Amino acid sequence: MTAFLTSADLLERNRKWSESTRVQDPEFFKRLAAQQKPRFLWIGCSDSRVPANQIIGLSPGEVFVHRNVSNIAHPTDVNLMSVLEYAVDVLQVSEVLLVGHYGCGGVHAALSGRLPGIADFWLEPIRELRRKRAMHLVGLEGRALEDRICELNVAEQVSVLAHSGIVQSAWERGQKLLIHGWIYSLDDGVIKDLGVTRDSAT
């Protein structure tokens, strides 16, 4: 069980993984080091149960990844915006995947009350979203409410990204760039497209 693993165990696991990978594909690391040309930027939740590459079946080097608590696109988040800028302007990704997940701990925390310190500030957009969409949430409570907020949060963050200067500039110069809103189910491992894709025409 991982609860009994130490950091030394992880280094040993890495060594074994590296060796077995090179046995199976001697050119793997050489190809990986040669270039980074991902087509996709994944912006998802930091939740350890949602590993980007694994759940969409892509190898290292095929998806550029940014993760934070509850997949929030704060316009003032220099970390996220630098990742977005690099992905769009330098790597020339053609699709941004904004991916939330049901059972999000950040959403649960935001709806359950105040948190100490930075986490409370970070999750404020989720509480604001609940206030803004209150009429659409009537009758929902518990897990049903949280799951709906998870969906609405994805759609909201897609809109934030679409209105960013980075994305707007890319569209103005004719760069092909889609921004999708997806949600992942921890129950069965399936991703659902929420139908909120944005491009230069929307």
Protein backbone atom coordinates (compact mmCIF):
# COMPACT_ATOMS: atom_id res chain seq x y z
CA MET A 1 0.00 0.00 0.00
CA THR A 2 1.24 3.52 -0.85
CA ALA A 3 0.63 4.67 2.74
CA PHE A 4 3.75 2.74 3.77
CA LEU A 5 5.98 3.98 0.96
CA THR A 6 8.84 6.36 1.67
CA SER A 7 10.55 8.84 -0.62
CA ALA A 8 13.42 6.35 -0.93
CA ASP A 9 10.92 3.77 -2.17
CA LEU A 10 9.76 6.22 -4.83
CA LEU A 11 13.31 6.74 -6.07
CA GLU A 12 13.75 2.97 -6.32
CA ARG A 13 10.44 2.66 -8.17
CA ASN A 14 11.62 5.36 -10.57
CA ARG A 15 14.86 3.49 -11.24
CA LYS A 16 12.95 0.29 -12.00
CA TRP A 17 10.48 2.14 -14.21
CA SER A 18 13.32 3.77 -16.15
CA GLU A 19 15.04 0.43 -16.67
CA SER A 20 11.90 -1.40 -17.77
CA THR A 21 10.92 1.45 -20.09
CA ARG A 22 14.34 1.35 -21.79
CA VAL A 23 14.10 -2.44 -22.16
CA GLN A 24 10.68 -2.16 -23.81
CA ASP A 25 11.57 0.85 -25.96
CA PRO A 26 15.30 1.72 -26.12
CA GLU A 27 14.59 5.00 -27.96
CA PHE A 28 11.86 6.23 -25.61
CA PHE A 29 13.87 8.77 -23.62
CA LYS A 30 15.87 9.88 -26.65
CA ARG A 31 12.63 10.74 -28.46
CA LEU A 32 11.22 12.42 -25.37
CA ALA A 33 14.30 14.61 -24.89
CA ALA A 34 14.45 15.61 -28.55
CA GLN A 35 11.34 17.77 -28.62
CA GLN A 36 8.11 18.76 -26.94
CA LYS A 37 5.29 19.17 -29.45
CA PRO A 38 2.03 18.51 -27.61
CA ARG A 39 -1.22 19.25 -29.37
CA PHE A 40 -3.14 19.63 -26.11
CA LEU A 41 -2.98 21.76 -22.98
CA TRP A 42 -4.74 20.14 -20.02
CA ILE A 43 -5.90 22.46 -17.24
CA GLY A 44 -7.25 20.29 -14.47
CA CYS A 45 -7.59 19.74 -10.75
CA SER A 46 -4.63 18.89 -8.52
CA ASP A 47 -6.58 15.91 -7.15
CA SER A 48 -4.25 12.90 -7.10
CA ARG A 49 -7.02 10.68 -8.49
CA VAL A 50 -7.11 12.55 -11.82
CA PRO A 51 -3.82 11.88 -13.67
CA ALA A 52 -4.08 13.69 -16.99
CA ASN A 53 -1.95 11.53 -19.31
CA GLN A 54 -3.26 8.26 -17.95
CA ILE A 55 -6.98 8.93 -18.22
CA ILE A 56 -6.78 10.18 -21.81
CA GLY A 57 -4.35 7.46 -22.87
CA LEU A 58 -1.46 9.70 -23.92
CA SER A 59 2.25 9.22 -23.36
CA PRO A 60 4.60 11.76 -21.75
CA GLY A 61 5.29 14.59 -24.18
CA GLU A 62 1.84 14.46 -25.78
CA VAL A 63 -0.02 16.76 -23.40
CA PHE A 64 1.13 19.93 -21.64
CA VAL A 65 -0.36 20.00 -18.12
CA HIS A 66 -1.32 22.59 -15.54
CA ARG A 67 -3.18 21.59 -12.39
CA ASN A 68 -4.53 23.53 -9.43
CA VAL A 69 -7.19 23.12 -6.75
CA SER A 70 -10.61 22.85 -8.45
CA ASN A 71 -9.25 23.72 -11.93
CA ILE A 72 -9.84 27.45 -11.46
CA ALA A 73 -8.65 29.93 -14.09
CA HIS A 74 -7.96 33.03 -12.00
CA PRO A 75 -7.12 35.79 -14.53
CA THR A 76 -4.50 37.08 -12.07
CA ASP A 77 -2.85 33.68 -11.57
CA VAL A 78 0.60 34.29 -13.06
CA ASN A 79 1.41 30.58 -12.92
CA LEU A 80 -1.61 29.53 -14.99
CA MET A 81 -1.34 32.45 -17.39
CA SER A 82 2.35 31.77 -18.03
CA VAL A 83 1.52 28.12 -18.80
CA LEU A 84 -1.31 29.21 -21.10
CA GLU A 85 0.90 31.75 -22.86
CA TYR A 86 3.73 29.26 -23.38
CA ALA A 87 1.33 26.57 -24.60
CA VAL A 88 -0.48 28.85 -27.04
CA ASP A 89 2.32 31.12 -28.25
CA VAL A 90 5.37 28.83 -28.15
CA LEU A 91 4.14 25.25 -28.27
CA GLN A 92 1.23 26.22 -30.55
CA VAL A 93 -1.23 23.79 -28.99
CA SER A 94 -4.45 23.56 -30.94
CA GLU A 95 -6.78 22.47 -28.14
CA VAL A 96 -7.10 23.46 -24.48
CA LEU A 97 -8.86 20.94 -22.26
CA LEU A 98 -10.36 22.48 -19.11
CA VAL A 99 -11.17 19.39 -17.06
CA GLY A 100 -13.01 19.22 -13.77
CA HIS A 101 -14.20 16.15 -11.93
CA TYR A 102 -17.18 15.05 -9.88
CA GLY A 103 -16.54 14.68 -6.16
CA CYS A 104 -14.10 17.61 -6.16
CA GLY A 105 -12.79 18.27 -2.67
CA GLY A 106 -12.23 21.95 -3.43
CA VAL A 107 -15.85 22.43 -4.46
CA HIS A 108 -17.01 20.60 -1.34
CA ALA A 109 -14.80 22.80 0.84
CA ALA A 110 -15.98 26.01 -0.85
CA LEU A 111 -19.63 25.13 -0.32
CA SER A 112 -19.12 23.90 3.25
CA GLY A 113 -17.86 27.13 4.77
CA ARG A 114 -14.79 29.27 5.22
CA LEU A 115 -11.27 27.90 5.12
CA PRO A 116 -8.09 29.30 6.64
CA GLY A 117 -5.71 31.44 4.62
CA ILE A 118 -4.99 31.28 0.93
CA ALA A 119 -7.31 28.34 0.24
CA ASP A 120 -10.32 30.45 1.16
CA PHE A 121 -9.30 33.19 -1.28
CA TRP A 122 -8.55 30.65 -4.00
CA LEU A 123 -11.98 29.02 -3.80
CA GLU A 124 -14.00 32.25 -3.67
CA PRO A 125 -14.91 32.01 -7.40
CA ILE A 126 -16.81 28.80 -6.63
CA ARG A 127 -18.87 30.48 -3.92
CA GLU A 128 -19.48 33.41 -6.27
CA LEU A 129 -20.58 30.97 -8.97
CA ARG A 130 -23.10 29.44 -6.57
CA ARG A 131 -24.51 32.90 -5.79
CA LYS A 132 -24.64 33.87 -9.47
CA ARG A 133 -26.37 30.66 -10.56
CA ALA A 134 -28.65 30.30 -7.52
CA MET A 135 -31.84 30.17 -9.63
CA HIS A 136 -30.48 27.19 -11.59
CA LEU A 137 -29.58 25.31 -8.43
CA VAL A 138 -32.96 25.38 -6.70
CA GLY A 139 -33.89 21.97 -5.30
CA LEU A 140 -30.35 20.60 -5.42
CA GLU A 141 -28.49 19.67 -2.26
CA GLY A 142 -25.66 17.46 -1.06
CA ARG A 143 -23.72 15.58 -3.71
CA ALA A 144 -26.17 16.57 -6.48
CA LEU A 145 -25.53 20.25 -5.76
CA GLU A 146 -21.77 19.78 -5.61
CA ASP A 147 -21.68 17.84 -8.88
CA ARG A 148 -23.73 20.52 -10.65
CA ILE A 149 -21.39 23.20 -9.30
CA CYS A 150 -18.46 21.13 -10.62
CA GLU A 151 -20.04 21.27 -14.09
CA LEU A 152 -20.84 24.98 -13.88
CA ASN A 153 -17.32 25.69 -12.66
CA VAL A 154 -15.86 24.03 -15.77
CA ALA A 155 -18.10 26.12 -18.04
CA GLU A 156 -17.19 29.29 -16.14
CA GLN A 157 -13.45 28.63 -16.41
CA VAL A 158 -13.75 27.94 -20.14
CA SER A 159 -15.30 31.39 -20.46
CA VAL A 160 -12.51 32.97 -18.40
CA LEU A 161 -9.87 31.40 -20.65
CA ALA A 162 -11.73 32.41 -23.81
CA HIS A 163 -11.74 36.04 -22.67
CA SER A 164 -8.07 36.10 -21.70
CA GLY A 165 -5.78 38.37 -23.67
CA ILE A 166 -3.61 35.38 -24.59
CA VAL A 167 -6.45 33.49 -26.26
CA GLN A 168 -8.02 36.59 -27.80
CA SER A 169 -4.69 37.53 -29.39
CA ALA A 170 -4.26 34.03 -30.78
CA TRP A 171 -7.70 34.14 -32.36
CA GLU A 172 -7.11 37.63 -33.75
CA ARG A 173 -4.02 36.43 -35.59
CA GLY A 174 -5.96 33.48 -37.01
CA GLN A 175 -4.47 30.75 -34.85
CA LYS A 176 -6.70 27.66 -34.64
CA LEU A 177 -7.44 27.10 -30.99
CA LEU A 178 -10.34 25.30 -29.31
CA ILE A 179 -11.15 25.44 -25.61
CA HIS A 180 -13.15 22.45 -24.37
CA GLY A 181 -14.95 21.94 -21.06
CA TRP A 182 -14.88 18.35 -19.82
CA ILE A 183 -15.71 16.61 -16.56
CA TYR A 184 -14.29 13.34 -15.28
CA SER A 185 -16.12 10.75 -13.20
CA LEU A 186 -14.17 9.09 -10.42
CA ASP A 187 -16.85 6.38 -10.33
CA ASP A 188 -16.16 4.91 -13.76
CA GLY A 189 -13.20 6.81 -15.22
CA VAL A 190 -15.24 8.30 -18.08
CA ILE A 191 -14.87 11.90 -19.28
CA LYS A 192 -17.98 13.78 -20.39
CA ASP A 193 -17.87 16.69 -22.83
CA LEU A 194 -20.07 19.43 -21.34
CA GLY A 195 -20.71 21.01 -24.73
CA VAL A 196 -19.20 24.40 -23.88
CA THR A 197 -16.38 24.42 -26.45
CA ARG A 198 -15.24 27.88 -27.51
CA ASP A 199 -13.36 28.97 -30.62
CA SER A 200 -12.79 32.23 -32.43
CA ALA A 201 -16.29 32.15 -33.89
CA THR A 202 -18.12 31.93 -30.53
